[in-house]
Amino acid sequence: MSKNKSFMFGMGLLAGVVGGIVAGVLFAPKPGEESRRELKEAACELYEKHSPAIKEAKKQALESVDLMKYKLERQLRKFNNMVKSRKLLKAKELESSADDEYEY
């Protein structure tokens, strides 16, 4: 499995686990205060248990965001250069046709 696919699988798995815990605690037939306490304990336990994986996932996500930002900026520069190039070419064509009109 590629690094990106395994990262996405891990994030999906983590989201599923968290969602399952939240749903289980919220739909359990217990008083609200007790449910919130258990939810907080479960979240803290989950974080402590998976803290290295969470930090790694966060690091990979930030790296992916930086890479995408770089690629988008590079594409934007290319596009801007292409637009400038076409404008310059059009201006030269107009200048050339204007020069041709005045030559008799």
N, C-alpha and C. Protein backbone atom coordinates (compact mmCIF):
# COMPACT_ATOMS: atom_id res chain seq x y z
N MET A 1 0.85 -1.16 0.00
CA MET A 1 0.00 0.00 0.00
C MET A 1 0.90 1.24 0.00
N SER A 2 0.55 2.25 -0.81
CA SER A 2 1.38 3.44 -0.86
C SER A 2 1.27 4.21 0.45
N LYS A 3 2.21 5.11 0.64
CA LYS A 3 2.25 5.88 1.89
C LYS A 3 0.98 6.72 2.06
N ASN A 4 0.51 7.32 0.97
CA ASN A 4 -0.68 8.17 1.06
C ASN A 4 -1.93 7.33 1.36
N LYS A 5 -2.05 6.15 0.73
CA LYS A 5 -3.20 5.30 0.97
C LYS A 5 -3.19 4.77 2.41
N SER A 6 -2.03 4.41 2.90
CA SER A 6 -1.96 3.92 4.27
C SER A 6 -2.26 5.04 5.26
N PHE A 7 -1.86 6.25 4.94
CA PHE A 7 -2.16 7.41 5.79
C PHE A 7 -3.66 7.65 5.83
N MET A 8 -4.29 7.61 4.66
CA MET A 8 -5.73 7.83 4.58
C MET A 8 -6.49 6.70 5.31
N PHE A 9 -6.01 5.47 5.17
CA PHE A 9 -6.63 4.35 5.87
C PHE A 9 -6.52 4.55 7.37
N GLY A 10 -5.35 4.96 7.83
CA GLY A 10 -5.14 5.21 9.26
C GLY A 10 -6.04 6.31 9.79
N MET A 11 -6.18 7.38 9.01
CA MET A 11 -7.05 8.48 9.43
C MET A 11 -8.51 8.02 9.47
N GLY A 12 -8.91 7.22 8.49
CA GLY A 12 -10.27 6.69 8.48
C GLY A 12 -10.53 5.77 9.65
N LEU A 13 -9.55 4.94 9.93
CA LEU A 13 -9.66 4.02 11.06
C LEU A 13 -9.78 4.80 12.37
N LEU A 14 -8.95 5.80 12.53
CA LEU A 14 -8.98 6.62 13.74
C LEU A 14 -10.32 7.34 13.86
N ALA A 15 -10.82 7.88 12.76
CA ALA A 15 -12.11 8.58 12.79
C ALA A 15 -13.22 7.60 13.16
N GLY A 16 -13.14 6.38 12.64
CA GLY A 16 -14.15 5.38 12.96
C GLY A 16 -14.14 4.99 14.42
N VAL A 17 -12.95 4.84 14.97
CA VAL A 17 -12.82 4.48 16.39
C VAL A 17 -13.38 5.60 17.27
N VAL A 18 -12.98 6.82 16.96
CA VAL A 18 -13.46 7.96 17.75
C VAL A 18 -14.98 8.09 17.63
N GLY A 19 -15.49 7.97 16.40
CA GLY A 19 -16.94 8.05 16.19
C GLY A 19 -17.68 6.97 16.94
N GLY A 20 -17.13 5.75 16.94
CA GLY A 20 -17.75 4.65 17.67
C GLY A 20 -17.79 4.88 19.16
N ILE A 21 -16.71 5.39 19.69
CA ILE A 21 -16.66 5.67 21.14
C ILE A 21 -17.67 6.75 21.50
N VAL A 22 -17.69 7.82 20.72
CA VAL A 22 -18.61 8.92 21.00
C VAL A 22 -20.06 8.43 20.92
N ALA A 23 -20.39 7.70 19.86
CA ALA A 23 -21.76 7.21 19.70
C ALA A 23 -22.12 6.26 20.84
N GLY A 24 -21.20 5.38 21.21
CA GLY A 24 -21.47 4.44 22.29
C GLY A 24 -21.72 5.11 23.61
N VAL A 25 -20.95 6.11 23.91
CA VAL A 25 -21.11 6.82 25.18
C VAL A 25 -22.37 7.67 25.18
N LEU A 26 -22.65 8.34 24.06
CA LEU A 26 -23.81 9.22 24.02
C LEU A 26 -25.13 8.46 24.01
N PHE A 27 -25.15 7.27 23.45
CA PHE A 27 -26.40 6.50 23.38
C PHE A 27 -26.54 5.48 24.52
N ALA A 28 -25.59 5.44 25.40
CA ALA A 28 -25.67 4.52 26.54
C ALA A 28 -26.72 5.04 27.52
N PRO A 29 -27.44 4.14 28.16
CA PRO A 29 -28.49 4.57 29.10
C PRO A 29 -27.90 4.98 30.46
N LYS A 30 -27.17 6.09 30.47
CA LYS A 30 -26.55 6.59 31.69
C LYS A 30 -26.85 8.08 31.80
N PRO A 31 -26.72 8.65 32.98
CA PRO A 31 -26.91 10.09 33.14
C PRO A 31 -25.87 10.88 32.30
N GLY A 32 -26.24 12.09 31.89
CA GLY A 32 -25.38 12.91 31.04
C GLY A 32 -24.01 13.19 31.63
N GLU A 33 -23.96 13.51 32.91
CA GLU A 33 -22.68 13.82 33.55
C GLU A 33 -21.76 12.62 33.52
N GLU A 34 -22.29 11.45 33.81
CA GLU A 34 -21.49 10.23 33.79
C GLU A 34 -21.02 9.91 32.36
N SER A 35 -21.89 10.12 31.40
CA SER A 35 -21.54 9.87 29.99
C SER A 35 -20.42 10.81 29.55
N ARG A 36 -20.53 12.08 29.92
CA ARG A 36 -19.49 13.05 29.54
C ARG A 36 -18.16 12.70 30.19
N ARG A 37 -18.20 12.27 31.46
CA ARG A 37 -16.97 11.89 32.15
C ARG A 37 -16.33 10.69 31.44
N GLU A 38 -17.15 9.69 31.11
CA GLU A 38 -16.62 8.51 30.42
C GLU A 38 -16.08 8.87 29.04
N LEU A 39 -16.76 9.77 28.35
CA LEU A 39 -16.30 10.21 27.03
C LEU A 39 -14.95 10.91 27.15
N LYS A 40 -14.83 11.76 28.16
CA LYS A 40 -13.57 12.46 28.38
C LYS A 40 -12.45 11.47 28.70
N GLU A 41 -12.74 10.51 29.57
CA GLU A 41 -11.74 9.51 29.92
C GLU A 41 -11.34 8.68 28.71
N ALA A 42 -12.32 8.28 27.90
CA ALA A 42 -12.03 7.49 26.70
C ALA A 42 -11.19 8.28 25.71
N ALA A 43 -11.52 9.57 25.55
CA ALA A 43 -10.76 10.42 24.64
C ALA A 43 -9.32 10.59 25.13
N CYS A 44 -9.15 10.82 26.41
CA CYS A 44 -7.80 10.97 26.97
C CYS A 44 -7.00 9.68 26.84
N GLU A 45 -7.66 8.55 27.12
CA GLU A 45 -7.00 7.25 27.00
C GLU A 45 -6.61 6.99 25.54
N LEU A 46 -7.51 7.29 24.63
CA LEU A 46 -7.24 7.09 23.20
C LEU A 46 -6.06 7.96 22.77
N TYR A 47 -6.05 9.22 23.22
CA TYR A 47 -4.96 10.13 22.85
C TYR A 47 -3.63 9.62 23.40
N GLU A 48 -3.63 9.23 24.67
CA GLU A 48 -2.39 8.74 25.28
C GLU A 48 -1.89 7.48 24.58
N LYS A 49 -2.80 6.61 24.25
CA LYS A 49 -2.44 5.34 23.63
C LYS A 49 -1.92 5.54 22.20
N HIS A 50 -2.52 6.47 21.48
CA HIS A 50 -2.19 6.66 20.07
C HIS A 50 -1.48 8.00 19.80
N SER A 51 -0.95 8.61 20.83
CA SER A 51 -0.30 9.90 20.68
C SER A 51 0.79 9.91 19.61
N PRO A 52 1.70 8.94 19.59
CA PRO A 52 2.73 8.96 18.53
C PRO A 52 2.12 8.87 17.13
N ALA A 53 1.10 8.03 16.98
CA ALA A 53 0.47 7.90 15.66
C ALA A 53 -0.25 9.18 15.27
N ILE A 54 -0.88 9.83 16.26
CA ILE A 54 -1.58 11.09 15.99
C ILE A 54 -0.58 12.17 15.59
N LYS A 55 0.54 12.23 16.29
CA LYS A 55 1.57 13.22 15.95
C LYS A 55 2.13 12.97 14.56
N GLU A 56 2.35 11.70 14.23
CA GLU A 56 2.87 11.35 12.90
C GLU A 56 1.85 11.70 11.82
N ALA A 57 0.58 11.41 12.08
CA ALA A 57 -0.47 11.74 11.12
C ALA A 57 -0.56 13.25 10.91
N LYS A 58 -0.44 13.99 12.00
CA LYS A 58 -0.47 15.45 11.90
C LYS A 58 0.72 15.95 11.09
N LYS A 59 1.89 15.38 11.35
CA LYS A 59 3.10 15.77 10.61
C LYS A 59 2.93 15.48 9.12
N GLN A 60 2.41 14.29 8.79
CA GLN A 60 2.21 13.93 7.39
C GLN A 60 1.17 14.83 6.74
N ALA A 61 0.13 15.16 7.47
CA ALA A 61 -0.91 16.03 6.92
C ALA A 61 -0.33 17.42 6.63
N LEU A 62 0.46 17.94 7.54
CA LEU A 62 1.07 19.25 7.32
C LEU A 62 2.05 19.22 6.15
N GLU A 63 2.81 18.13 6.02
CA GLU A 63 3.72 17.99 4.89
C GLU A 63 2.95 17.93 3.57
N SER A 64 1.83 17.21 3.58
CA SER A 64 1.00 17.12 2.37
C SER A 64 0.43 18.49 2.01
N VAL A 65 -0.01 19.23 3.01
CA VAL A 65 -0.54 20.57 2.77
C VAL A 65 0.55 21.47 2.18
N ASP A 66 1.74 21.41 2.76
CA ASP A 66 2.85 22.22 2.24
C ASP A 66 3.20 21.85 0.81
N LEU A 67 3.21 20.55 0.52
CA LEU A 67 3.52 20.09 -0.83
C LEU A 67 2.45 20.57 -1.82
N MET A 68 1.19 20.44 -1.45
CA MET A 68 0.12 20.90 -2.33
C MET A 68 0.18 22.41 -2.53
N LYS A 69 0.49 23.13 -1.47
CA LYS A 69 0.62 24.59 -1.56
C LYS A 69 1.74 24.95 -2.54
N TYR A 70 2.87 24.27 -2.43
CA TYR A 70 4.00 24.51 -3.34
C TYR A 70 3.59 24.22 -4.79
N LYS A 71 2.93 23.07 -5.00
CA LYS A 71 2.53 22.70 -6.36
C LYS A 71 1.53 23.69 -6.94
N LEU A 72 0.58 24.14 -6.13
CA LEU A 72 -0.40 25.11 -6.60
C LEU A 72 0.25 26.45 -6.93
N GLU A 73 1.17 26.87 -6.08
CA GLU A 73 1.88 28.13 -6.34
C GLU A 73 2.69 28.03 -7.63
N ARG A 74 3.33 26.89 -7.85
CA ARG A 74 4.12 26.68 -9.06
C ARG A 74 3.22 26.71 -10.30
N GLN A 75 2.06 26.06 -10.21
CA GLN A 75 1.13 26.06 -11.35
C GLN A 75 0.60 27.47 -11.60
N LEU A 76 0.34 28.22 -10.54
CA LEU A 76 -0.14 29.58 -10.69
C LEU A 76 0.91 30.46 -11.36
N ARG A 77 2.18 30.28 -10.97
CA ARG A 77 3.26 31.03 -11.63
C ARG A 77 3.34 30.69 -13.11
N LYS A 78 3.23 29.39 -13.44
CA LYS A 78 3.26 28.97 -14.85
C LYS A 78 2.10 29.61 -15.61
N PHE A 79 0.91 29.58 -15.01
CA PHE A 79 -0.26 30.15 -15.66
C PHE A 79 -0.07 31.64 -15.88
N ASN A 80 0.40 32.35 -14.86
CA ASN A 80 0.63 33.80 -14.98
C ASN A 80 1.66 34.10 -16.06
N ASN A 81 2.72 33.29 -16.12
CA ASN A 81 3.72 33.48 -17.16
C ASN A 81 3.14 33.25 -18.54
N MET A 82 2.27 32.25 -18.67
CA MET A 82 1.64 31.97 -19.95
C MET A 82 0.74 33.14 -20.36
N VAL A 83 -0.03 33.68 -19.42
CA VAL A 83 -0.89 34.81 -19.72
C VAL A 83 -0.06 36.02 -20.14
N LYS A 84 1.00 36.29 -19.41
CA LYS A 84 1.87 37.42 -19.76
C LYS A 84 2.49 37.21 -21.14
N SER A 85 2.90 36.00 -21.40
CA SER A 85 3.50 35.68 -22.69
C SER A 85 2.51 35.91 -23.83
N ARG A 86 1.29 35.46 -23.64
CA ARG A 86 0.27 35.66 -24.69
C ARG A 86 -0.07 37.13 -24.86
N LYS A 87 -0.13 37.87 -23.77
CA LYS A 87 -0.40 39.31 -23.86
C LYS A 87 0.73 40.00 -24.62
N LEU A 88 1.96 39.61 -24.32
CA LEU A 88 3.10 40.20 -25.00
C LEU A 88 3.07 39.86 -26.49
N LEU A 89 2.76 38.63 -26.81
CA LEU A 89 2.67 38.20 -28.20
C LEU A 89 1.58 38.97 -28.93
N LYS A 90 0.43 39.14 -28.29
CA LYS A 90 -0.68 39.89 -28.88
C LYS A 90 -0.28 41.35 -29.08
N ALA A 91 0.41 41.94 -28.12
CA ALA A 91 0.86 43.32 -28.25
C ALA A 91 1.83 43.47 -29.40
N LYS A 92 2.73 42.51 -29.57
CA LYS A 92 3.68 42.56 -30.69
C LYS A 92 2.94 42.43 -32.02
N GLU A 93 1.92 41.57 -32.06
CA GLU A 93 1.14 41.43 -33.29
C GLU A 93 0.42 42.74 -33.62
N LEU A 94 -0.17 43.37 -32.62
CA LEU A 94 -0.86 44.63 -32.83
C LEU A 94 0.12 45.72 -33.28
N GLU A 95 1.28 45.73 -32.66
CA GLU A 95 2.30 46.72 -33.03
C GLU A 95 2.76 46.49 -34.46
N SER A 96 2.94 45.23 -34.82
CA SER A 96 3.38 44.89 -36.16
C SER A 96 2.32 45.27 -37.18
N SER A 97 1.06 45.00 -36.90
CA SER A 97 -0.01 45.34 -37.84
C SER A 97 -0.16 46.85 -37.93
N ALA A 98 0.05 47.58 -36.83
CA ALA A 98 -0.02 49.04 -36.85
C ALA A 98 1.12 49.61 -37.68
N ASP A 99 2.30 49.02 -37.59
CA ASP A 99 3.44 49.47 -38.39
C ASP A 99 3.19 49.21 -39.87
N ASP A 100 2.57 48.09 -40.20
CA ASP A 100 2.27 47.74 -41.58
C ASP A 100 1.25 48.70 -42.18
N GLU A 101 0.31 49.20 -41.41
CA GLU A 101 -0.71 50.14 -41.90
C GLU A 101 -0.10 51.48 -42.28
N TYR A 102 0.94 51.89 -41.57
CA TYR A 102 1.53 53.20 -41.82
C TYR A 102 2.63 53.14 -42.88
N GLU A 103 3.00 51.99 -43.34
CA GLU A 103 4.01 51.87 -44.39
C GLU A 103 3.30 51.89 -45.73
N TYR A 104 3.60 52.89 -46.54
CA TYR A 104 3.00 52.99 -47.89
C TYR A 104 4.08 52.96 -48.89
